[in-house]
Amino acid sequence: MSDHAAHAAAGAEGGAGATRGPGLIRGFLGVILAALKTRLDLAAVEVEIYLVYVAQLLLWGFAAVACALLALVFALTALVIAVWQTHRMAGLVGSTVVLLILAVICGLIGARIFRARPPLLAGTLSQFEHDQRRVSGSAGEER
């Protein structure tokens, strides 16, 4: 019976050494997949933020175009009325000026949002660079 127990223990040691390699590979693949999932989650969040910036830019651009078109309509109406009666001119010219100022303000806000937007996937790319530095062994140099 002791021979059987010794033989089983020797077989278990051999089996543990044989499964250590595949377990190590499985663990390594698990870490790689977890890191990849984290990076993809980060990329998805960054794409969502970028889409919000694009939506804001489109909204302000649309507002600027709408105000400019309304200003053009009022300007043309003012030109037509100019030959008809002069006392209504002040209202139309005033509204044309106000809408032109609004169009300029909307355009400037849209341009500022466009200039201030972060590059697409900047955080994800910096995390990949950080991972690359860690793998190459230069991670101790940074804070």
Protein backbone atom coordinates (compact mmCIF):
# COMPACT_ATOMS: atom_id res chain seq x y z
CA MET A 1 0.00 0.00 0.00
CA SER A 2 2.85 2.38 0.73
CA ASP A 3 4.25 1.62 -2.74
CA HIS A 4 0.93 2.55 -4.23
CA ALA A 5 0.85 5.84 -2.22
CA ALA A 6 4.45 6.62 -3.23
CA HIS A 7 3.67 5.88 -6.87
CA ALA A 8 0.56 8.12 -6.72
CA ALA A 9 2.58 10.93 -5.11
CA ALA A 10 5.26 10.66 -7.80
CA GLY A 11 2.57 10.73 -10.49
CA ALA A 12 1.02 13.80 -8.88
CA GLU A 13 4.38 15.62 -8.87
CA GLY A 14 4.89 14.79 -12.53
CA GLY A 15 1.34 15.91 -13.32
CA ALA A 16 1.81 19.19 -11.46
CA GLY A 17 4.99 19.93 -13.40
CA ALA A 18 3.23 19.07 -16.65
CA THR A 19 0.22 21.30 -15.95
CA ARG A 20 2.31 24.22 -14.69
CA GLY A 21 3.27 25.18 -18.27
CA PRO A 22 -0.29 25.28 -19.69
CA GLY A 23 -1.54 26.98 -16.49
CA LEU A 24 1.11 29.65 -16.89
CA ILE A 25 0.13 30.17 -20.53
CA ARG A 26 -3.54 30.29 -19.58
CA GLY A 27 -2.80 32.85 -16.87
CA PHE A 28 -0.70 34.92 -19.27
CA LEU A 29 -3.48 34.85 -21.88
CA GLY A 30 -5.99 35.79 -19.18
CA VAL A 31 -3.90 38.83 -18.21
CA ILE A 32 -3.51 39.83 -21.87
CA LEU A 33 -7.26 39.51 -22.46
CA ALA A 34 -8.07 41.48 -19.30
CA ALA A 35 -5.68 44.27 -20.35
CA LEU A 36 -7.14 44.26 -23.85
CA LYS A 37 -10.69 44.45 -22.46
CA THR A 38 -9.70 47.38 -20.24
CA ARG A 39 -8.14 49.21 -23.19
CA LEU A 40 -11.20 48.55 -25.37
CA ASP A 41 -13.49 49.85 -22.61
CA LEU A 42 -11.36 52.98 -22.41
CA ALA A 43 -11.48 53.37 -26.19
CA ALA A 44 -15.28 53.03 -26.15
CA VAL A 45 -15.59 55.76 -23.52
CA GLU A 46 -13.26 58.03 -25.50
CA VAL A 47 -15.25 57.48 -28.70
CA GLU A 48 -18.44 58.34 -26.82
CA ILE A 49 -16.88 61.57 -25.50
CA TYR A 50 -15.68 62.42 -29.00
CA LEU A 51 -19.19 61.90 -30.36
CA VAL A 52 -20.55 64.34 -27.77
CA TYR A 53 -18.01 66.92 -28.97
CA VAL A 54 -19.06 66.34 -32.57
CA ALA A 55 -22.74 66.69 -31.63
CA GLN A 56 -22.01 69.99 -29.87
CA LEU A 57 -20.06 71.21 -32.87
CA LEU A 58 -22.90 70.31 -35.22
CA LEU A 59 -25.49 71.94 -32.99
CA TRP A 60 -23.60 75.24 -32.74
CA GLY A 61 -22.82 75.15 -36.44
CA PHE A 62 -26.48 74.64 -37.22
CA ALA A 63 -27.41 77.54 -34.93
CA ALA A 64 -24.89 79.80 -36.67
CA VAL A 65 -26.20 78.87 -40.11
CA ALA A 66 -29.84 79.35 -39.03
CA CYS A 67 -29.10 82.79 -37.59
CA ALA A 68 -27.18 83.80 -40.68
CA LEU A 69 -30.02 82.71 -42.95
CA LEU A 70 -32.60 84.53 -40.84
CA ALA A 71 -30.40 87.64 -40.91
CA LEU A 72 -30.27 87.41 -44.69
CA VAL A 73 -34.06 87.12 -44.85
CA PHE A 74 -34.50 90.16 -42.61
CA ALA A 75 -31.91 92.09 -44.62
CA LEU A 76 -33.76 91.37 -47.84
CA THR A 77 -37.07 92.25 -46.22
CA ALA A 78 -35.54 95.50 -44.97
CA LEU A 79 -34.35 96.30 -48.47
CA VAL A 80 -37.83 95.76 -49.86
CA ILE A 81 -39.44 97.85 -47.13
CA ALA A 82 -36.81 100.59 -47.52
CA VAL A 83 -38.56 101.85 -50.59
CA TRP A 84 -41.99 101.45 -49.00
CA GLN A 85 -41.96 103.05 -45.52
CA THR A 86 -38.98 104.19 -43.50
CA HIS A 87 -40.46 103.98 -39.98
CA ARG A 88 -40.42 100.13 -40.01
CA MET A 89 -36.78 100.05 -41.04
CA ALA A 90 -35.41 100.39 -37.51
CA GLY A 91 -37.00 97.11 -36.39
CA LEU A 92 -35.86 95.11 -39.36
CA VAL A 93 -32.34 96.52 -39.40
CA GLY A 94 -32.07 96.01 -35.64
CA SER A 95 -33.19 92.40 -35.88
CA THR A 96 -30.80 91.82 -38.77
CA VAL A 97 -27.91 93.14 -36.70
CA VAL A 98 -28.92 91.07 -33.67
CA LEU A 99 -29.16 87.88 -35.75
CA LEU A 100 -25.81 88.57 -37.40
CA ILE A 101 -24.21 89.04 -33.97
CA LEU A 102 -25.82 85.77 -32.81
CA ALA A 103 -24.50 83.99 -35.91
CA VAL A 104 -20.97 85.25 -35.19
CA ILE A 105 -21.20 84.25 -31.51
CA CYS A 106 -22.48 80.74 -32.39
CA GLY A 107 -19.73 80.35 -34.97
CA LEU A 108 -17.05 81.41 -32.48
CA ILE A 109 -18.37 79.00 -29.82
CA GLY A 110 -18.40 76.16 -32.36
CA ALA A 111 -14.86 76.98 -33.47
CA ARG A 112 -13.67 77.09 -29.85
CA ILE A 113 -15.24 73.70 -29.13
CA PHE A 114 -13.62 72.27 -32.27
CA ARG A 115 -10.17 73.61 -31.34
CA ALA A 116 -10.43 72.49 -27.70
CA ARG A 117 -11.41 68.91 -28.42
CA PRO A 118 -8.91 66.23 -27.40
CA PRO A 119 -7.46 63.99 -30.09
CA LEU A 120 -9.45 60.84 -30.72
CA LEU A 121 -8.33 57.93 -28.49
CA ALA A 122 -5.53 59.98 -26.86
CA GLY A 123 -6.02 58.28 -23.48
CA THR A 124 -6.02 54.81 -24.98
CA LEU A 125 -2.87 55.52 -26.97
CA SER A 126 -1.11 56.91 -23.88
CA GLN A 127 -2.10 53.78 -21.93
CA PHE A 128 -0.67 51.59 -24.69
CA GLU A 129 2.56 53.61 -24.56
CA HIS A 130 2.62 53.21 -20.78
CA ASP A 131 2.15 49.44 -21.15
CA GLN A 132 4.90 49.33 -23.76
CA ARG A 133 7.29 51.18 -21.40
CA ARG A 134 6.37 48.79 -18.58
CA VAL A 135 7.05 45.76 -20.74
CA SER A 136 10.37 47.15 -21.99
CA GLY A 137 11.46 47.82 -18.39
CA SER A 138 11.64 51.61 -18.47
CA ALA A 139 8.60 52.14 -16.24
CA GLY A 140 10.83 52.87 -13.23
CA GLU A 141 12.02 56.07 -14.87
CA GLU A 142 8.62 57.77 -14.75
CA ARG A 143 6.79 58.90 -11.62
